[in-house]
Protein backbone atom coordinates (compact mmCIF):
# COMPACT_ATOMS: atom_id res chain seq x y z
CA MET A 1 147.80 72.92 53.31
CA SER A 2 145.08 75.59 53.58
CA ASP A 3 144.28 79.22 54.26
CA VAL A 4 141.62 80.22 56.79
CA LEU A 5 139.18 83.14 56.64
CA VAL A 6 139.16 85.25 59.81
CA LEU A 7 135.99 87.00 60.98
CA ASN A 8 135.75 89.59 63.70
CA ARG A 9 133.42 89.02 66.66
CA SER A 10 130.48 90.30 64.57
CA PHE A 11 131.21 87.80 61.76
CA TYR A 12 132.65 90.35 59.32
CA ALA A 13 135.47 89.00 57.16
CA ILE A 14 138.68 90.84 58.00
CA GLN A 15 141.61 88.79 56.68
CA VAL A 16 143.02 85.46 55.51
CA ILE A 17 145.68 83.67 57.56
CA SER A 18 147.58 80.39 57.48
CA TRP A 19 146.04 77.27 58.96
CA ARG A 20 148.87 77.13 61.53
CA ARG A 21 148.03 80.61 62.82
CA ALA A 22 144.32 79.77 62.86
CA ILE A 23 144.83 76.60 64.91
CA SER A 24 147.07 78.55 67.33
CA LEU A 25 144.37 81.20 67.83
CA VAL A 26 141.69 78.58 68.43
CA TYR A 27 143.95 76.55 70.78
CA ALA A 28 144.77 79.71 72.80
CA ASP A 29 141.01 80.46 72.99
CA HIS A 30 141.42 83.77 71.12
CA ALA A 31 139.15 82.46 68.35
CA ARG A 32 136.48 79.88 67.67
CA VAL A 33 135.93 77.69 64.63
CA VAL A 34 132.81 78.72 62.68
CA ASP A 35 130.72 76.26 60.64
CA GLU A 36 128.40 76.98 57.70
CA ASP A 37 125.48 77.54 60.08
CA TYR A 38 127.38 80.17 62.12
CA ARG A 39 127.84 77.77 65.06
CA THR A 40 131.11 78.26 66.91
CA TYR A 41 133.40 75.67 68.50
CA SER A 42 136.18 75.84 71.06
CA PHE A 43 139.36 73.86 70.39
CA GLU A 44 138.13 70.87 72.44
CA ASP A 45 134.68 70.91 70.83
CA TRP A 46 136.23 71.13 67.35
CA ARG A 47 138.67 68.30 68.16
CA GLU A 48 135.78 66.06 69.21
CA LEU A 49 133.69 66.99 66.17
CA SER A 50 136.70 66.36 63.90
CA GLU A 51 136.61 62.67 64.81
CA ALA A 52 133.14 62.46 63.21
CA ILE A 53 133.98 64.48 60.07
CA LYS A 54 134.48 61.94 57.28
CA GLU A 55 135.96 64.32 54.68
CA ASN A 56 137.34 67.79 55.19
CA PRO A 57 138.25 69.82 52.08
CA SER A 58 141.09 71.55 53.95
CA GLY A 59 142.55 68.35 55.37
CA TYR A 60 143.55 67.31 58.88
CA ILE A 61 146.35 67.70 61.37
CA HIS A 62 147.37 64.36 62.84
CA THR A 63 148.97 64.05 66.26
CA PRO A 64 149.93 60.83 68.07
CA SER A 65 146.67 60.94 70.06
CA PHE A 66 144.08 62.61 67.81
CA LYS A 67 143.31 64.22 64.46
CA ILE A 68 141.75 67.65 64.05
CA ALA A 69 140.14 69.08 60.93
CA ILE A 70 141.72 72.27 59.60
CA PRO A 71 138.98 74.90 59.89
CA GLU A 72 138.01 77.01 56.90
CA VAL A 73 136.60 79.91 58.93
CA ILE A 74 137.34 81.20 62.43
CA SER A 75 135.92 84.09 64.44
CA LEU A 76 137.93 86.18 66.89
CA ARG A 77 136.42 86.18 70.35
CA THR A 78 137.05 89.78 71.39
CA PHE A 79 138.14 91.84 68.36
CA ASP A 80 135.16 93.69 66.87
CA GLY A 81 137.00 96.17 64.67
CA LEU A 82 137.46 96.30 60.92
CA PRO A 83 140.69 96.50 58.96
CA LYS A 84 142.35 99.89 58.70
CA SER A 85 139.90 102.16 56.92
CA GLU A 86 142.24 103.30 54.20
CA VAL A 87 143.26 101.76 50.89
CA LYS A 88 147.02 101.25 50.84
CA PHE A 89 148.98 103.09 48.16
CA THR A 90 150.41 100.02 46.42
CA ARG A 91 151.10 99.20 42.78
CA ARG A 92 148.37 96.51 42.78
CA ASN A 93 145.78 98.83 44.32
CA ILE A 94 146.63 101.58 41.80
CA TYR A 95 146.27 99.14 38.88
CA GLU A 96 142.97 97.83 40.24
CA HIS A 97 141.66 101.34 40.95
CA TYR A 98 142.14 102.28 37.29
CA ASN A 99 140.96 98.82 36.14
CA TYR A 100 144.28 98.11 34.38
CA ARG A 101 143.51 100.86 31.83
CA CYS A 102 145.70 103.59 30.43
CA ILE A 103 144.18 106.89 31.52
CA TYR A 104 145.29 108.52 28.25
CA CYS A 105 144.24 106.07 25.51
CA GLY A 106 141.64 104.16 27.56
CA HIS A 107 142.79 100.69 26.51
CA LYS A 108 143.07 97.83 29.01
CA PHE A 109 146.49 96.17 29.47
CA ASN A 110 148.25 93.45 31.43
CA SER A 111 150.14 94.84 34.39
CA SER A 112 153.43 94.11 32.58
CA ASP A 113 152.39 96.59 29.86
CA LEU A 114 151.38 99.37 32.26
CA ASN A 115 153.48 101.98 34.03
CA LEU A 116 152.74 104.13 37.02
CA GLU A 117 152.44 107.62 35.59
CA HIS A 118 153.00 110.89 37.46
CA VAL A 119 150.52 113.36 35.93
CA VAL A 120 152.72 116.20 37.16
CA PRO A 121 156.23 114.78 36.62
CA LYS A 122 158.43 114.30 39.68
CA SER A 123 161.04 116.50 37.96
CA ARG A 124 158.48 119.32 38.14
CA GLY A 125 157.51 118.81 41.76
CA GLY A 126 154.84 116.16 41.27
CA LYS A 127 154.14 114.02 44.30
CA THR A 128 153.91 110.24 44.48
CA ASP A 129 150.40 109.95 45.89
CA TRP A 130 146.81 109.11 44.91
CA ALA A 131 146.21 112.67 43.62
CA ASN A 132 149.06 112.47 41.08
CA VAL A 133 149.78 108.82 40.18
CA VAL A 134 147.70 106.94 37.60
CA THR A 135 148.25 104.07 35.15
CA ALA A 136 149.45 104.58 31.59
CA CYS A 137 150.53 102.23 28.84
CA VAL A 138 154.18 102.28 27.82
CA ALA A 139 153.48 104.13 24.54
CA CYS A 140 151.46 106.93 26.19
CA ASN A 141 153.94 107.15 29.06
CA LEU A 142 156.82 107.63 26.60
CA LYS A 143 154.83 110.14 24.53
CA LYS A 144 154.04 112.28 27.58
CA GLY A 145 157.58 112.11 28.93
CA SER A 146 158.33 114.89 31.42
CA HIS A 147 155.56 117.17 30.16
CA LEU A 148 152.18 118.00 31.62
CA PRO A 149 149.35 116.23 29.74
CA ASP A 150 148.18 119.39 27.91
CA GLU A 151 151.76 120.27 26.94
CA ALA A 152 152.03 116.84 25.30
CA GLY A 153 148.64 117.23 23.60
CA MET A 154 147.15 114.47 25.74
CA LYS A 155 143.98 114.36 27.79
CA LEU A 156 143.31 112.53 31.04
CA LEU A 157 140.26 110.31 30.57
CA VAL A 158 140.00 109.84 34.33
CA LYS A 159 140.86 112.34 37.04
CA PRO A 160 143.40 110.98 39.55
CA SER A 161 141.66 110.00 42.77
CA LYS A 162 142.00 107.97 45.91
CA PRO A 163 139.75 104.88 45.94
CA LYS A 164 137.03 104.83 48.56
CA TRP A 165 137.32 102.25 51.30
CA ARG A 166 134.65 99.57 50.96
CA GLY A 167 134.83 98.26 54.50
CA SER A 168 135.72 94.67 55.07
CA ALA A 169 134.19 93.82 51.70
CA ALA A 170 137.63 94.84 50.51
CA VAL A 171 139.40 91.80 51.94
CA VAL A 172 142.24 91.58 49.46
CA PHE A 173 143.05 88.24 47.84
CA ARG A 174 146.40 87.73 46.13
CA PRO A 175 146.31 87.20 42.35
CA GLY A 176 145.14 83.73 41.38
CA PHE A 177 143.82 83.07 44.89
CA GLN A 178 140.95 80.58 44.89
CA MET A 179 138.29 81.69 47.36
CA LYS A 180 136.67 78.74 49.11
CA ALA A 181 132.96 78.09 48.62
CA SER A 182 132.53 77.98 52.41
CA TRP A 183 133.70 81.60 52.63
CA GLN A 184 131.10 82.96 50.22
CA ARG A 185 128.31 83.38 52.76
CA PHE A 186 130.58 85.44 55.02
CA ILE A 187 131.76 87.62 52.14
CA ASP A 188 128.12 87.99 51.00
CA ASN A 189 127.12 88.87 54.57
CA VAL A 190 129.43 91.89 54.37
CA TYR A 191 128.11 92.80 50.91
CA TRP A 192 124.46 92.79 51.98
CA ASN A 193 124.93 94.39 55.40
CA THR A 194 127.47 97.15 54.75
CA GLU A 195 125.90 100.60 54.84
CA LEU A 196 125.76 102.25 51.43
CA GLU A 197 127.27 105.64 50.75
CA HIS A 198 124.82 108.51 50.52
CA GLN A 199 124.83 110.06 47.05
C-alpha cells in the first residue's frame, strides 16, 4: 500500500509510518489528515471528503459501508517535539557521514567495498565511537592493519567526527525509498525555516 509522512503539531516532518498506523492515529483523534494547502481533517471529515476524491495516488481502504482515501501526510494533534537530537551511530550513518569515501585514499566506493575502520585499532584500546570509527576501502584497511595511520605511512584525509544534527530535516529514508511529491513542501518547510548554525 503506502507510507505516510508524519508532522508534529507545528508541521515539521518527524517520521514516516505505515498507512495502517496513520489511519489508526487519525481514527483515535491523535492526528489529523493534512492536505496540500495545510488544511487538516478529522477522521469523519476525511471519510466524507474521500467519497468525492476521484483518484488518490496512495489508494483507498474499502469497508462494507464506506471507502476512505489513504492519507499521504498527517499531523499529530498534541506532540510538538522533534526527533531525538542526536545522530545514531549506525553503519549507514557512518557511511553517509563520510560520503561513502575512503578516508585514506579519498576514493568513493559502494558500501559493499567499504569497511568500518578503527583509526586507533581495538587491539590497542581504540573505542567504537564517532571519534575513532571512519570508512576505509578494503585495500587501505588491509594495508593499515593493526597499526596507527602514521605507523603504516598513511594519512587521514578527514578527521573522525560526529555528524551534526540537522533537526527534522534529517528525516531518514531507507535506501531506494521514493519520496512522494506531496511531501516535498513539508520537507522544504523544514529546510527554509530551520535556524542556521552560527559560524
